[in-house]
Amino acid sequence: MRYIKSKIAAIVLLPVTGILGNAAVTRYIDPRNVSAQEDQTASVSLRVRLLEQTLDFQQGGNVLKTYIVSGGRGGYPTPKGTFRVQKVVWNPTWSPPDSRWARGRSATGPDHPRNPMKLVKIFFKEPDYYIHGTDQLDQLGEAASHGCLRMDPIEAGELAVRVMQAGGVQHATSWYQTAVTKGETRTVTLPRPVTIVITD
C-alpha cells in the first residue's frame, strides 16, 4: 500500500516524465494514442453500472474500455439517471462540502498530497458530483465514496483525455504534460457535452 500511495503522490506532485517515464506519459496523457484507437466520427457516451462498480467508455455502441470505479455508499448514493459531461478540471482544488463527513477538514490546493481529487475531476452533475481520482485504490470496485465516482488517478486522466476529445477539445501532448508538471488548475468546457448514463 505504501508503494501505491507514493506512486499517486508522485503523479500529482512531480513531473510525470521524471516519475513514470515517457512510455507511461504517452499511454495515459498523449492524445494521439487515444485518437489512434477510436473513430472520431462515432458518438461517444459513458455508462456506469453501480452494482458492478464499472464505467464503460463507449463509442459507436461499442465498449472500448471498462474502468473500475467506486460509487456512493450508505447515505451518500451516487445519483442515477442520464447526465451530460460539460466540464473537466485538471489539477483541481478541493473545498470541504457542507456535510457531516467533511467536518474538521481543510481546503487543499491542486498540488497538495491530501487533495482527494488528485489529477483531474470530470463533472457529470454540477456542482456536487463528478468523477475524480483517489488514493484509496483498495476500495475500487466497492461502494465507498460520498456520491462521486472515484477512479485510479492515472485512469481518470486517461478518461479525461478521451472525454475532452469526444467533446470537441483537442490539445497537443505538451498541453497535458505542462498541466501536470506545473500543477496549474485548468478548467476545460466542452463544446459538445458527452452523455453519461448511471444505473444500478
C-alpha atoms as a PDB file:
ATOM      1  CA  MET A   1       0.000   0.000   0.000  1.00  0.00           C
ATOM      2  CA  ARG A   2       2.911   2.362   0.708  1.00  0.00           C
ATOM      3  CA  TYR A   3       4.089   1.949  -2.900  1.00  0.00           C
ATOM      4  CA  ILE A   4       0.631   2.751  -4.286  1.00  0.00           C
ATOM      5  CA  LYS A   5       0.275   5.914  -2.217  1.00  0.00           C
ATOM      6  CA  SER A   6       3.760   7.163  -3.038  1.00  0.00           C
ATOM      7  CA  LYS A   7       3.177   6.490  -6.728  1.00  0.00           C
ATOM      8  CA  ILE A   8      -0.030   8.537  -6.701  1.00  0.00           C
ATOM      9  CA  ALA A   9       1.582  11.379  -4.772  1.00  0.00           C
ATOM     10  CA  ALA A  10       4.379  11.423  -7.318  1.00  0.00           C
ATOM     11  CA  ILE A  11       1.913  11.653 -10.198  1.00  0.00           C
ATOM     12  CA  VAL A  12       0.270  14.691  -8.669  1.00  0.00           C
ATOM     13  CA  LEU A  13       3.305  16.486  -7.285  1.00  0.00           C
ATOM     14  CA  LEU A  14       6.193  15.854  -9.636  1.00  0.00           C
ATOM     15  CA  PRO A  15       6.895  15.949 -13.374  1.00  0.00           C
ATOM     16  CA  VAL A  16       5.329  12.899 -14.953  1.00  0.00           C
ATOM     17  CA  THR A  17       8.223  12.301 -17.328  1.00  0.00           C
ATOM     18  CA  GLY A  18      10.592  12.035 -14.374  1.00  0.00           C
ATOM     19  CA  ILE A  19       8.453   9.600 -12.417  1.00  0.00           C
ATOM     20  CA  LEU A  20       6.642   7.359 -14.856  1.00  0.00           C
ATOM     21  CA  GLY A  21       8.822   7.592 -17.945  1.00  0.00           C
ATOM     22  CA  ASN A  22       7.866   8.641 -21.451  1.00  0.00           C
ATOM     23  CA  ALA A  23       6.040   5.396 -22.234  1.00  0.00           C
ATOM     24  CA  ALA A  24       3.630   5.897 -19.354  1.00  0.00           C
ATOM     25  CA  VAL A  25       3.074   9.537 -20.254  1.00  0.00           C
ATOM     26  CA  THR A  26       2.321   8.576 -23.841  1.00  0.00           C
ATOM     27  CA  ARG A  27      -0.039   5.834 -22.784  1.00  0.00           C
ATOM     28  CA  TYR A  28      -2.107   7.903 -20.385  1.00  0.00           C
ATOM     29  CA  ILE A  29      -1.734  11.537 -21.387  1.00  0.00           C
ATOM     30  CA  ASP A  30      -0.819  11.560 -25.072  1.00  0.00           C
ATOM     31  CA  PRO A  31      -3.979  12.405 -27.046  1.00  0.00           C
ATOM     32  CA  ARG A  32      -2.503  10.906 -30.230  1.00  0.00           C
ATOM     33  CA  ASN A  33      -2.516   7.486 -28.618  1.00  0.00           C
ATOM     34  CA  VAL A  34      -6.168   7.832 -27.664  1.00  0.00           C
ATOM     35  CA  SER A  35      -7.206   9.064 -31.107  1.00  0.00           C
ATOM     36  CA  ALA A  36      -5.473   6.216 -32.887  1.00  0.00           C
ATOM     37  CA  GLN A  37      -7.772   3.710 -31.218  1.00  0.00           C
ATOM     38  CA  GLU A  38     -11.062   5.450 -31.913  1.00  0.00           C
ATOM     39  CA  ASP A  39     -13.325   6.548 -34.741  1.00  0.00           C
ATOM     40  CA  GLN A  40     -13.690  10.279 -34.162  1.00  0.00           C
ATOM     41  CA  THR A  41     -16.943  10.377 -36.157  1.00  0.00           C
ATOM     42  CA  ALA A  42     -18.777   7.880 -33.921  1.00  0.00           C
ATOM     43  CA  SER A  43     -20.811   9.072 -30.941  1.00  0.00           C
ATOM     44  CA  VAL A  44     -19.263   8.686 -27.511  1.00  0.00           C
ATOM     45  CA  SER A  45     -21.012   8.009 -24.211  1.00  0.00           C
ATOM     46  CA  LEU A  46     -20.202   6.760 -20.726  1.00  0.00           C
ATOM     47  CA  ARG A  47     -22.140   4.039 -18.938  1.00  0.00           C
ATOM     48  CA  VAL A  48     -21.830   3.401 -15.195  1.00  0.00           C
ATOM     49  CA  ARG A  49     -23.214   0.284 -13.512  1.00  0.00           C
ATOM     50  CA  LEU A  50     -23.244   0.843  -9.771  1.00  0.00           C
ATOM     51  CA  LEU A  51     -23.857  -2.789  -8.820  1.00  0.00           C
ATOM     52  CA  GLU A  52     -20.780  -3.775 -10.783  1.00  0.00           C
ATOM     53  CA  GLN A  53     -18.858  -0.587  -9.923  1.00  0.00           C
ATOM     54  CA  THR A  54     -17.758  -0.165 -13.545  1.00  0.00           C
ATOM     55  CA  LEU A  55     -17.629   2.664 -16.047  1.00  0.00           C
ATOM     56  CA  ASP A  56     -17.695   1.859 -19.764  1.00  0.00           C
ATOM     57  CA  PHE A  57     -16.292   4.230 -22.353  1.00  0.00           C
ATOM     58  CA  GLN A  58     -18.479   3.565 -25.392  1.00  0.00           C
ATOM     59  CA  GLN A  59     -18.101   4.716 -28.954  1.00  0.00           C
ATOM     60  CA  GLY A  60     -20.467   3.898 -31.775  1.00  0.00           C
ATOM     61  CA  GLY A  61     -22.260   1.435 -29.492  1.00  0.00           C
ATOM     62  CA  ASN A  62     -19.068  -0.486 -28.724  1.00  0.00           C
ATOM     63  CA  VAL A  63     -17.300  -0.603 -25.366  1.00  0.00           C
ATOM     64  CA  LEU A  64     -13.716   0.496 -25.939  1.00  0.00           C
ATOM     65  CA  LYS A  65     -12.629   0.317 -22.317  1.00  0.00           C
ATOM     66  CA  THR A  66     -14.094  -0.582 -18.932  1.00  0.00           C
ATOM     67  CA  TYR A  67     -12.808   1.142 -15.800  1.00  0.00           C
ATOM     68  CA  ILE A  68     -13.293   0.040 -12.192  1.00  0.00           C
ATOM     69  CA  VAL A  69     -14.837   2.779 -10.047  1.00  0.00           C
ATOM     70  CA  SER A  70     -16.045   3.340  -6.512  1.00  0.00           C
ATOM     71  CA  GLY A  71     -19.527   4.836  -6.247  1.00  0.00           C
ATOM     72  CA  GLY A  72     -21.511   6.228  -3.319  1.00  0.00           C
ATOM     73  CA  ARG A  73     -22.042   4.284  -0.112  1.00  0.00           C
ATOM     74  CA  GLY A  74     -24.807   4.209   2.506  1.00  0.00           C
ATOM     75  CA  GLY A  75     -26.325   7.633   2.983  1.00  0.00           C
ATOM     76  CA  TYR A  76     -24.283   9.141   0.134  1.00  0.00           C
ATOM     77  CA  PRO A  77     -25.614   7.497  -3.032  1.00  0.00           C
ATOM     78  CA  THR A  78     -24.360   8.312  -6.499  1.00  0.00           C
ATOM     79  CA  PRO A  79     -27.268   9.845  -8.444  1.00  0.00           C
ATOM     80  CA  LYS A  80     -28.768   7.639 -11.126  1.00  0.00           C
ATOM     81  CA  GLY A  81     -30.038   8.866 -14.465  1.00  0.00           C
ATOM     82  CA  THR A  82     -28.778  10.437 -17.666  1.00  0.00           C
ATOM     83  CA  PHE A  83     -26.424  13.410 -17.333  1.00  0.00           C
ATOM     84  CA  ARG A  84     -24.090  15.442 -19.526  1.00  0.00           C
ATOM     85  CA  VAL A  85     -20.386  15.945 -19.002  1.00  0.00           C
ATOM     86  CA  GLN A  86     -19.622  19.554 -19.888  1.00  0.00           C
ATOM     87  CA  LYS A  87     -16.623  20.427 -17.742  1.00  0.00           C
ATOM     88  CA  VAL A  88     -13.243  18.881 -16.939  1.00  0.00           C
ATOM     89  CA  VAL A  89     -10.883  20.395 -14.361  1.00  0.00           C
ATOM     90  CA  TRP A  90      -7.215  19.426 -14.309  1.00  0.00           C
ATOM     91  CA  ASN A  91      -5.319  19.825 -11.025  1.00  0.00           C
ATOM     92  CA  PRO A  92      -8.464  20.808  -9.123  1.00  0.00           C
ATOM     93  CA  THR A  93      -8.549  22.398  -5.701  1.00  0.00           C
ATOM     94  CA  TRP A  94     -10.763  20.831  -3.030  1.00  0.00           C
ATOM     95  CA  SER A  95     -13.051  22.555  -0.539  1.00  0.00           C
ATOM     96  CA  PRO A  96     -14.824  20.510   2.144  1.00  0.00           C
ATOM     97  CA  PRO A  97     -18.566  20.274   1.407  1.00  0.00           C
ATOM     98  CA  ASP A  98     -21.138  21.296   3.985  1.00  0.00           C
ATOM     99  CA  SER A  99     -21.635  17.736   5.101  1.00  0.00           C
ATOM    100  CA  ARG A 100     -21.110  15.830   8.345  1.00  0.00           C
ATOM    101  CA  TRP A 101     -18.397  13.577   6.953  1.00  0.00           C
ATOM    102  CA  ALA A 102     -16.261  16.604   5.967  1.00  0.00           C
ATOM    103  CA  ARG A 103     -16.344  18.416   9.308  1.00  0.00           C
ATOM    104  CA  GLY A 104     -12.920  19.455  10.506  1.00  0.00           C
ATOM    105  CA  ARG A 105     -11.310  19.031   7.095  1.00  0.00           C
ATOM    106  CA  SER A 106      -9.394  21.844   5.443  1.00  0.00           C
ATOM    107  CA  ALA A 107      -9.363  23.032   1.854  1.00  0.00           C
ATOM    108  CA  THR A 108      -6.412  21.766  -0.189  1.00  0.00           C
ATOM    109  CA  GLY A 109      -4.671  23.184  -3.228  1.00  0.00           C
ATOM    110  CA  PRO A 110      -4.127  21.455  -6.555  1.00  0.00           C
ATOM    111  CA  ASP A 111      -0.685  20.130  -5.610  1.00  0.00           C
ATOM    112  CA  HIS A 112      -1.450  19.049  -2.047  1.00  0.00           C
ATOM    113  CA  PRO A 113      -0.939  15.340  -1.229  1.00  0.00           C
ATOM    114  CA  ARG A 114      -4.164  15.296   0.825  1.00  0.00           C
ATOM    115  CA  ASN A 115      -6.270  16.644  -2.021  1.00  0.00           C
ATOM    116  CA  PRO A 116      -8.767  13.794  -2.609  1.00  0.00           C
ATOM    117  CA  MET A 117      -9.414  14.885  -6.223  1.00  0.00           C
ATOM    118  CA  LYS A 118      -5.872  14.037  -7.352  1.00  0.00           C
ATOM    119  CA  LEU A 119      -5.089  14.774 -11.020  1.00  0.00           C
ATOM    120  CA  VAL A 120      -8.488  15.582 -12.553  1.00  0.00           C
ATOM    121  CA  LYS A 121     -12.220  15.785 -11.968  1.00  0.00           C
ATOM    122  CA  ILE A 122     -14.893  15.292 -14.612  1.00  0.00           C
ATOM    123  CA  PHE A 123     -18.231  16.869 -13.701  1.00  0.00           C
ATOM    124  CA  PHE A 124     -21.421  14.966 -14.533  1.00  0.00           C
ATOM    125  CA  LYS A 125     -23.916  16.729 -12.230  1.00  0.00           C
ATOM    126  CA  GLU A 126     -22.690  20.143 -11.176  1.00  0.00           C
ATOM    127  CA  PRO A 127     -21.729  21.353  -8.714  1.00  0.00           C
ATOM    128  CA  ASP A 128     -21.562  18.343  -6.399  1.00  0.00           C
ATOM    129  CA  TYR A 129     -20.992  15.197  -8.461  1.00  0.00           C
ATOM    130  CA  TYR A 130     -18.004  14.281 -10.575  1.00  0.00           C
ATOM    131  CA  ILE A 131     -15.531  11.563 -11.479  1.00  0.00           C
ATOM    132  CA  HIS A 132     -12.177  12.021  -9.759  1.00  0.00           C
ATOM    133  CA  GLY A 133      -9.049  10.204  -8.700  1.00  0.00           C
ATOM    134  CA  THR A 134      -8.434   8.595  -5.333  1.00  0.00           C
ATOM    135  CA  ASP A 135      -5.535   7.212  -3.329  1.00  0.00           C
ATOM    136  CA  GLN A 136      -7.827   4.560  -1.828  1.00  0.00           C
ATOM    137  CA  LEU A 137      -7.233   2.091  -4.635  1.00  0.00           C
ATOM    138  CA  ASP A 138      -8.062  -0.840  -2.376  1.00  0.00           C
ATOM    139  CA  GLN A 139     -11.691   0.403  -2.288  1.00  0.00           C
ATOM    140  CA  LEU A 140     -12.170   0.500  -6.051  1.00  0.00           C
ATOM    141  CA  GLY A 141     -14.887  -1.941  -7.056  1.00  0.00           C
ATOM    142  CA  GLU A 142     -16.802  -1.207  -3.843  1.00  0.00           C
ATOM    143  CA  ALA A 143     -19.361   1.438  -2.874  1.00  0.00           C
ATOM    144  CA  ALA A 144     -17.124   3.672  -0.754  1.00  0.00           C
ATOM    145  CA  SER A 145     -17.446   7.292  -1.894  1.00  0.00           C
ATOM    146  CA  HIS A 146     -19.640  10.180  -0.757  1.00  0.00           C
ATOM    147  CA  GLY A 147     -21.617  10.212  -4.002  1.00  0.00           C
ATOM    148  CA  CYS A 148     -18.947  10.915  -6.599  1.00  0.00           C
ATOM    149  CA  LEU A 149     -17.271   8.273  -8.757  1.00  0.00           C
ATOM    150  CA  ARG A 150     -13.696   7.521  -7.724  1.00  0.00           C
ATOM    151  CA  MET A 151     -11.098   6.087 -10.086  1.00  0.00           C
ATOM    152  CA  ASP A 152      -7.425   5.266 -10.253  1.00  0.00           C
ATOM    153  CA  PRO A 153      -5.875   8.754 -10.788  1.00  0.00           C
ATOM    154  CA  ILE A 154      -3.984   7.749 -13.933  1.00  0.00           C
ATOM    155  CA  GLU A 155      -7.069   6.137 -15.447  1.00  0.00           C
ATOM    156  CA  ALA A 156      -9.095   9.243 -14.566  1.00  0.00           C
ATOM    157  CA  GLY A 157      -6.540  11.240 -16.552  1.00  0.00           C
ATOM    158  CA  GLU A 158      -6.848   8.879 -19.494  1.00  0.00           C
ATOM    159  CA  LEU A 159     -10.639   9.098 -19.350  1.00  0.00           C
ATOM    160  CA  ALA A 160     -10.474  12.907 -19.204  1.00  0.00           C
ATOM    161  CA  VAL A 161      -8.416  12.981 -22.409  1.00  0.00           C
ATOM    162  CA  ARG A 162     -10.943  10.709 -24.123  1.00  0.00           C
ATOM    163  CA  VAL A 163     -13.905  12.781 -22.920  1.00  0.00           C
ATOM    164  CA  MET A 164     -12.285  16.057 -23.971  1.00  0.00           C
ATOM    165  CA  GLN A 165     -11.579  14.769 -27.451  1.00  0.00           C
ATOM    166  CA  ALA A 166     -15.107  13.421 -27.792  1.00  0.00           C
ATOM    167  CA  GLY A 167     -16.421  16.781 -26.598  1.00  0.00           C
ATOM    168  CA  GLY A 168     -14.555  18.701 -29.275  1.00  0.00           C
ATOM    169  CA  VAL A 169     -11.442  19.826 -27.367  1.00  0.00           C
ATOM    170  CA  GLN A 170      -8.130  18.908 -28.939  1.00  0.00           C
ATOM    171  CA  HIS A 171      -4.823  19.655 -27.232  1.00  0.00           C
ATOM    172  CA  ALA A 172      -1.276  18.632 -28.041  1.00  0.00           C
ATOM    173  CA  THR A 173       0.612  16.301 -25.740  1.00  0.00           C
ATOM    174  CA  SER A 174       2.574  19.272 -24.400  1.00  0.00           C
ATOM    175  CA  TRP A 175      -0.625  20.868 -23.030  1.00  0.00           C
ATOM    176  CA  TYR A 176      -1.306  17.847 -20.801  1.00  0.00           C
ATOM    177  CA  GLN A 177       2.286  17.429 -19.753  1.00  0.00           C
ATOM    178  CA  THR A 178       2.570  21.115 -18.848  1.00  0.00           C
ATOM    179  CA  ALA A 179      -0.692  20.983 -16.900  1.00  0.00           C
ATOM    180  CA  VAL A 180       0.571  18.027 -14.872  1.00  0.00           C
ATOM    181  CA  THR A 181       4.123  19.217 -14.288  1.00  0.00           C
ATOM    182  CA  LYS A 182       3.163  22.775 -13.329  1.00  0.00           C
ATOM    183  CA  GLY A 183       0.243  21.721 -11.164  1.00  0.00           C
ATOM    184  CA  GLU A 184      -1.892  24.560 -12.507  1.00  0.00           C
ATOM    185  CA  THR A 185      -5.659  24.338 -12.270  1.00  0.00           C
ATOM    186  CA  ARG A 186      -7.042  24.275 -15.811  1.00  0.00           C
ATOM    187  CA  THR A 187     -10.777  24.245 -16.491  1.00  0.00           C
ATOM    188  CA  VAL A 188     -11.999  22.959 -19.849  1.00  0.00           C
ATOM    189  CA  THR A 189     -15.567  23.465 -21.089  1.00  0.00           C
ATOM    190  CA  LEU A 190     -16.715  21.002 -23.750  1.00  0.00           C
ATOM    191  CA  PRO A 191     -18.467  22.470 -26.809  1.00  0.00           C
ATOM    192  CA  ARG A 192     -20.176  19.086 -27.285  1.00  0.00           C
ATOM    193  CA  PRO A 193     -21.322  17.580 -23.976  1.00  0.00           C
ATOM    194  CA  VAL A 194     -20.741  13.844 -23.518  1.00  0.00           C
ATOM    195  CA  THR A 195     -23.649  11.760 -22.222  1.00  0.00           C
ATOM    196  CA  ILE A 196     -23.201   9.628 -19.110  1.00  0.00           C
ATOM    197  CA  VAL A 197     -25.845   7.121 -18.027  1.00  0.00           C
ATOM    198  CA  ILE A 198     -25.716   5.838 -14.448  1.00  0.00           C
ATOM    199  CA  THR A 199     -27.794   2.797 -13.494  1.00  0.00           C
ATOM    200  CA  ASP A 200     -27.965   0.176 -10.727  1.00  0.00           C
END
